[in-house]
Amino acid sequence: MKRSTNMITSAVLALTAGGLVAAGTALAADEKAEMEKCYGVAKSGKNDCQTASSSCAGTSKQDRQKDAFIALPKGTCSKIAGGSLTAS
């Protein structure tokens, strides 16, 4: 009886692990989604690249700096208040 319970438990765990791997693969595919630069929404020090007033990523001086961007999945920027696809 104990052996069959262990086998059932092992089978359930294997199926669960398989489902998690499949979910992880789906998430990885989503990560490859097209990205766009979204200006004016980054927190101070959280920008993705240089700006006119800072030399590299993570160096923006203020929240929502107009020339600082972060990369977001395509179509997301237009849904954020203050987000712009061009530097102002």
N, C-alpha and C. Protein backbone atom coordinates (compact mmCIF):
# COMPACT_ATOMS: atom_id res chain seq x y z
N MET A 1 0.82 -1.18 0.00
CA MET A 1 0.00 0.00 0.00
C MET A 1 0.87 1.26 0.00
N LYS A 2 1.90 1.25 0.82
CA LYS A 2 2.78 2.40 0.92
C LYS A 2 3.50 2.66 -0.40
N ARG A 3 3.87 1.57 -1.08
CA ARG A 3 4.59 1.71 -2.35
C ARG A 3 3.69 2.35 -3.40
N SER A 4 2.43 1.96 -3.48
CA SER A 4 1.53 2.54 -4.48
C SER A 4 1.25 4.01 -4.17
N THR A 5 1.20 4.36 -2.89
CA THR A 5 1.01 5.76 -2.50
C THR A 5 2.21 6.58 -2.93
N ASN A 6 3.40 6.03 -2.74
CA ASN A 6 4.62 6.73 -3.16
C ASN A 6 4.65 6.91 -4.67
N MET A 7 4.20 5.89 -5.40
CA MET A 7 4.18 5.99 -6.86
C MET A 7 3.18 7.05 -7.32
N ILE A 8 2.03 7.10 -6.68
CA ILE A 8 1.03 8.11 -7.04
C ILE A 8 1.56 9.51 -6.74
N THR A 9 2.17 9.66 -5.58
CA THR A 9 2.75 10.95 -5.19
C THR A 9 3.82 11.36 -6.19
N SER A 10 4.66 10.43 -6.59
CA SER A 10 5.71 10.73 -7.57
C SER A 10 5.12 11.14 -8.90
N ALA A 11 4.06 10.46 -9.32
CA ALA A 11 3.42 10.79 -10.59
C ALA A 11 2.81 12.18 -10.56
N VAL A 12 2.16 12.50 -9.46
CA VAL A 12 1.55 13.83 -9.32
C VAL A 12 2.63 14.90 -9.34
N LEU A 13 3.72 14.68 -8.62
CA LEU A 13 4.81 15.64 -8.61
C LEU A 13 5.43 15.81 -9.99
N ALA A 14 5.58 14.72 -10.72
CA ALA A 14 6.14 14.80 -12.07
C ALA A 14 5.24 15.60 -12.99
N LEU A 15 3.93 15.38 -12.89
CA LEU A 15 2.98 16.14 -13.72
C LEU A 15 2.99 17.62 -13.36
N THR A 16 3.07 17.91 -12.07
CA THR A 16 3.11 19.29 -11.62
C THR A 16 4.38 19.97 -12.11
N ALA A 17 5.50 19.29 -12.00
CA ALA A 17 6.77 19.85 -12.47
C ALA A 17 6.71 20.10 -13.97
N GLY A 18 6.10 19.19 -14.71
CA GLY A 18 5.96 19.36 -16.15
C GLY A 18 5.13 20.59 -16.49
N GLY A 19 4.08 20.81 -15.72
CA GLY A 19 3.24 21.99 -15.92
C GLY A 19 3.99 23.27 -15.63
N LEU A 20 4.82 23.25 -14.59
CA LEU A 20 5.61 24.43 -14.26
C LEU A 20 6.63 24.74 -15.34
N VAL A 21 7.23 23.72 -15.91
CA VAL A 21 8.20 23.92 -17.00
C VAL A 21 7.49 24.52 -18.20
N ALA A 22 6.29 24.01 -18.52
CA ALA A 22 5.53 24.54 -19.65
C ALA A 22 5.15 25.99 -19.40
N ALA A 23 4.76 26.32 -18.18
CA ALA A 23 4.41 27.71 -17.84
C ALA A 23 5.63 28.60 -17.97
N GLY A 24 6.78 28.12 -17.54
CA GLY A 24 8.01 28.89 -17.65
C GLY A 24 8.38 29.15 -19.09
N THR A 25 8.16 28.18 -19.96
CA THR A 25 8.43 28.34 -21.38
C THR A 25 7.51 29.39 -21.97
N ALA A 26 6.25 29.38 -21.56
CA ALA A 26 5.31 30.39 -22.06
C ALA A 26 5.73 31.78 -21.60
N LEU A 27 6.19 31.90 -20.37
CA LEU A 27 6.64 33.20 -19.87
C LEU A 27 7.87 33.66 -20.63
N ALA A 28 8.77 32.75 -20.94
CA ALA A 28 9.98 33.11 -21.69
C ALA A 28 9.60 33.63 -23.07
N ALA A 29 8.60 33.05 -23.69
CA ALA A 29 8.14 33.51 -25.00
C ALA A 29 7.57 34.92 -24.89
N ASP A 30 6.84 35.20 -23.80
CA ASP A 30 6.29 36.53 -23.59
C ASP A 30 7.39 37.56 -23.40
N GLU A 31 8.51 37.17 -22.78
CA GLU A 31 9.61 38.09 -22.55
C GLU A 31 10.23 38.56 -23.85
N LYS A 32 10.05 37.81 -24.92
CA LYS A 32 10.60 38.16 -26.21
C LYS A 32 9.65 39.09 -26.98
N ALA A 33 8.59 39.53 -26.31
CA ALA A 33 7.64 40.42 -26.95
C ALA A 33 8.34 41.71 -27.38
N GLU A 34 7.78 42.35 -28.38
CA GLU A 34 8.36 43.61 -28.85
C GLU A 34 8.32 44.65 -27.74
N MET A 35 9.40 45.38 -27.61
CA MET A 35 9.52 46.40 -26.57
C MET A 35 9.55 47.77 -27.24
N GLU A 36 9.19 48.80 -26.47
CA GLU A 36 9.26 50.17 -26.95
C GLU A 36 9.79 51.06 -25.84
N LYS A 37 10.39 52.16 -26.24
CA LYS A 37 10.91 53.13 -25.27
C LYS A 37 9.75 53.99 -24.80
N CYS A 38 9.59 54.07 -23.48
CA CYS A 38 8.52 54.89 -22.89
C CYS A 38 9.18 56.00 -22.08
N TYR A 39 9.03 57.24 -22.55
CA TYR A 39 9.65 58.40 -21.92
C TYR A 39 8.72 59.02 -20.89
N GLY A 40 9.31 59.61 -19.86
CA GLY A 40 8.56 60.38 -18.89
C GLY A 40 7.87 59.60 -17.80
N VAL A 41 8.22 58.32 -17.63
CA VAL A 41 7.56 57.53 -16.59
C VAL A 41 8.53 56.89 -15.60
N ALA A 42 9.82 56.97 -15.87
CA ALA A 42 10.82 56.31 -15.02
C ALA A 42 10.99 57.03 -13.69
N LYS A 43 11.20 56.27 -12.65
CA LYS A 43 11.54 56.83 -11.34
C LYS A 43 12.98 57.32 -11.39
N SER A 44 13.32 58.22 -10.51
CA SER A 44 14.68 58.75 -10.42
C SER A 44 15.68 57.61 -10.25
N GLY A 45 16.69 57.58 -11.11
CA GLY A 45 17.72 56.55 -11.02
C GLY A 45 17.32 55.20 -11.58
N LYS A 46 16.18 55.09 -12.25
CA LYS A 46 15.71 53.81 -12.78
C LYS A 46 15.55 53.80 -14.30
N ASN A 47 16.11 54.79 -14.98
CA ASN A 47 16.01 54.83 -16.44
C ASN A 47 16.87 53.74 -17.07
N ASP A 48 16.54 53.39 -18.31
CA ASP A 48 17.23 52.30 -19.00
C ASP A 48 18.45 52.74 -19.80
N CYS A 49 18.58 54.00 -20.13
CA CYS A 49 19.71 54.43 -20.95
C CYS A 49 20.03 55.88 -20.68
N GLN A 50 21.07 56.39 -21.33
CA GLN A 50 21.49 57.77 -21.09
C GLN A 50 20.41 58.76 -21.51
N THR A 51 20.48 59.95 -20.97
CA THR A 51 19.58 61.03 -21.32
C THR A 51 20.42 62.24 -21.71
N ALA A 52 19.78 63.33 -22.03
CA ALA A 52 20.51 64.55 -22.37
C ALA A 52 21.29 65.09 -21.17
N SER A 53 20.79 64.79 -19.96
CA SER A 53 21.45 65.34 -18.77
C SER A 53 22.12 64.30 -17.88
N SER A 54 22.10 63.04 -18.29
CA SER A 54 22.80 62.00 -17.52
C SER A 54 23.46 61.04 -18.49
N SER A 55 24.58 60.47 -18.07
CA SER A 55 25.44 59.76 -19.01
C SER A 55 25.14 58.28 -19.21
N CYS A 56 24.40 57.64 -18.31
CA CYS A 56 24.15 56.21 -18.49
C CYS A 56 22.89 55.77 -17.77
N ALA A 57 22.57 54.51 -17.92
CA ALA A 57 21.37 53.94 -17.30
C ALA A 57 21.43 54.10 -15.78
N GLY A 58 20.27 54.36 -15.20
CA GLY A 58 20.18 54.47 -13.76
C GLY A 58 20.68 55.78 -13.18
N THR A 59 20.79 56.81 -14.02
CA THR A 59 21.33 58.08 -13.53
C THR A 59 20.39 59.26 -13.72
N SER A 60 19.13 59.01 -14.02
CA SER A 60 18.21 60.14 -14.16
C SER A 60 18.09 60.85 -12.81
N LYS A 61 17.91 62.14 -12.87
CA LYS A 61 17.96 62.97 -11.66
C LYS A 61 16.63 63.15 -10.95
N GLN A 62 15.52 62.93 -11.66
CA GLN A 62 14.21 63.14 -11.05
C GLN A 62 13.19 62.13 -11.57
N ASP A 63 12.12 61.93 -10.81
CA ASP A 63 11.03 61.08 -11.24
C ASP A 63 10.38 61.70 -12.48
N ARG A 64 9.98 60.85 -13.41
CA ARG A 64 9.25 61.25 -14.61
C ARG A 64 10.01 62.27 -15.47
N GLN A 65 11.34 62.16 -15.46
CA GLN A 65 12.18 63.04 -16.28
C GLN A 65 11.79 62.84 -17.74
N LYS A 66 11.53 63.92 -18.45
CA LYS A 66 10.97 63.87 -19.81
C LYS A 66 11.86 63.16 -20.84
N ASP A 67 13.18 63.18 -20.65
CA ASP A 67 14.07 62.55 -21.63
C ASP A 67 14.61 61.19 -21.17
N ALA A 68 14.13 60.69 -20.04
CA ALA A 68 14.55 59.37 -19.54
C ALA A 68 13.49 58.34 -19.92
N PHE A 69 13.94 57.18 -20.40
CA PHE A 69 12.96 56.16 -20.78
C PHE A 69 13.23 54.84 -20.09
N ILE A 70 12.20 54.01 -20.10
CA ILE A 70 12.33 52.61 -19.72
C ILE A 70 11.71 51.80 -20.85
N ALA A 71 12.20 50.60 -21.07
CA ALA A 71 11.67 49.73 -22.11
C ALA A 71 10.47 48.98 -21.54
N LEU A 72 9.36 49.04 -22.25
CA LEU A 72 8.12 48.38 -21.85
C LEU A 72 7.58 47.58 -23.02
N PRO A 73 6.76 46.56 -22.75
CA PRO A 73 6.13 45.83 -23.85
C PRO A 73 5.32 46.79 -24.73
N LYS A 74 5.39 46.56 -26.04
CA LYS A 74 4.72 47.43 -27.00
C LYS A 74 3.24 47.60 -26.64
N GLY A 75 2.77 48.84 -26.67
CA GLY A 75 1.38 49.14 -26.37
C GLY A 75 1.12 49.54 -24.93
N THR A 76 2.11 49.35 -24.06
CA THR A 76 1.93 49.65 -22.64
C THR A 76 2.09 51.13 -22.35
N CYS A 77 3.02 51.78 -23.00
CA CYS A 77 3.35 53.18 -22.71
C CYS A 77 2.14 54.09 -22.85
N SER A 78 1.35 53.88 -23.88
CA SER A 78 0.20 54.75 -24.11
C SER A 78 -0.87 54.60 -23.03
N LYS A 79 -0.77 53.57 -22.22
CA LYS A 79 -1.74 53.35 -21.14
C LYS A 79 -1.31 53.99 -19.83
N ILE A 80 -0.10 54.55 -19.78
CA ILE A 80 0.44 55.14 -18.55
C ILE A 80 0.31 56.65 -18.63
N ALA A 81 -0.26 57.25 -17.59
CA ALA A 81 -0.40 58.71 -17.54
C ALA A 81 0.97 59.35 -17.61
N GLY A 82 1.16 60.24 -18.56
CA GLY A 82 2.43 60.93 -18.73
C GLY A 82 3.42 60.20 -19.62
N GLY A 83 3.09 58.98 -20.04
CA GLY A 83 3.98 58.21 -20.90
C GLY A 83 3.97 58.75 -22.32
N SER A 84 5.14 58.73 -22.96
CA SER A 84 5.28 59.23 -24.32
C SER A 84 6.26 58.35 -25.08
N LEU A 85 6.02 58.15 -26.36
CA LEU A 85 6.93 57.37 -27.18
C LEU A 85 8.08 58.21 -27.73
N THR A 86 8.05 59.51 -27.47
CA THR A 86 9.13 60.40 -27.89
C THR A 86 9.60 61.23 -26.70
N ALA A 87 10.88 61.58 -26.70
CA ALA A 87 11.42 62.43 -25.64
C ALA A 87 10.90 63.84 -25.83
N SER A 88 10.49 64.46 -24.77
CA SER A 88 9.95 65.83 -24.86
C SER A 88 11.02 66.85 -24.62
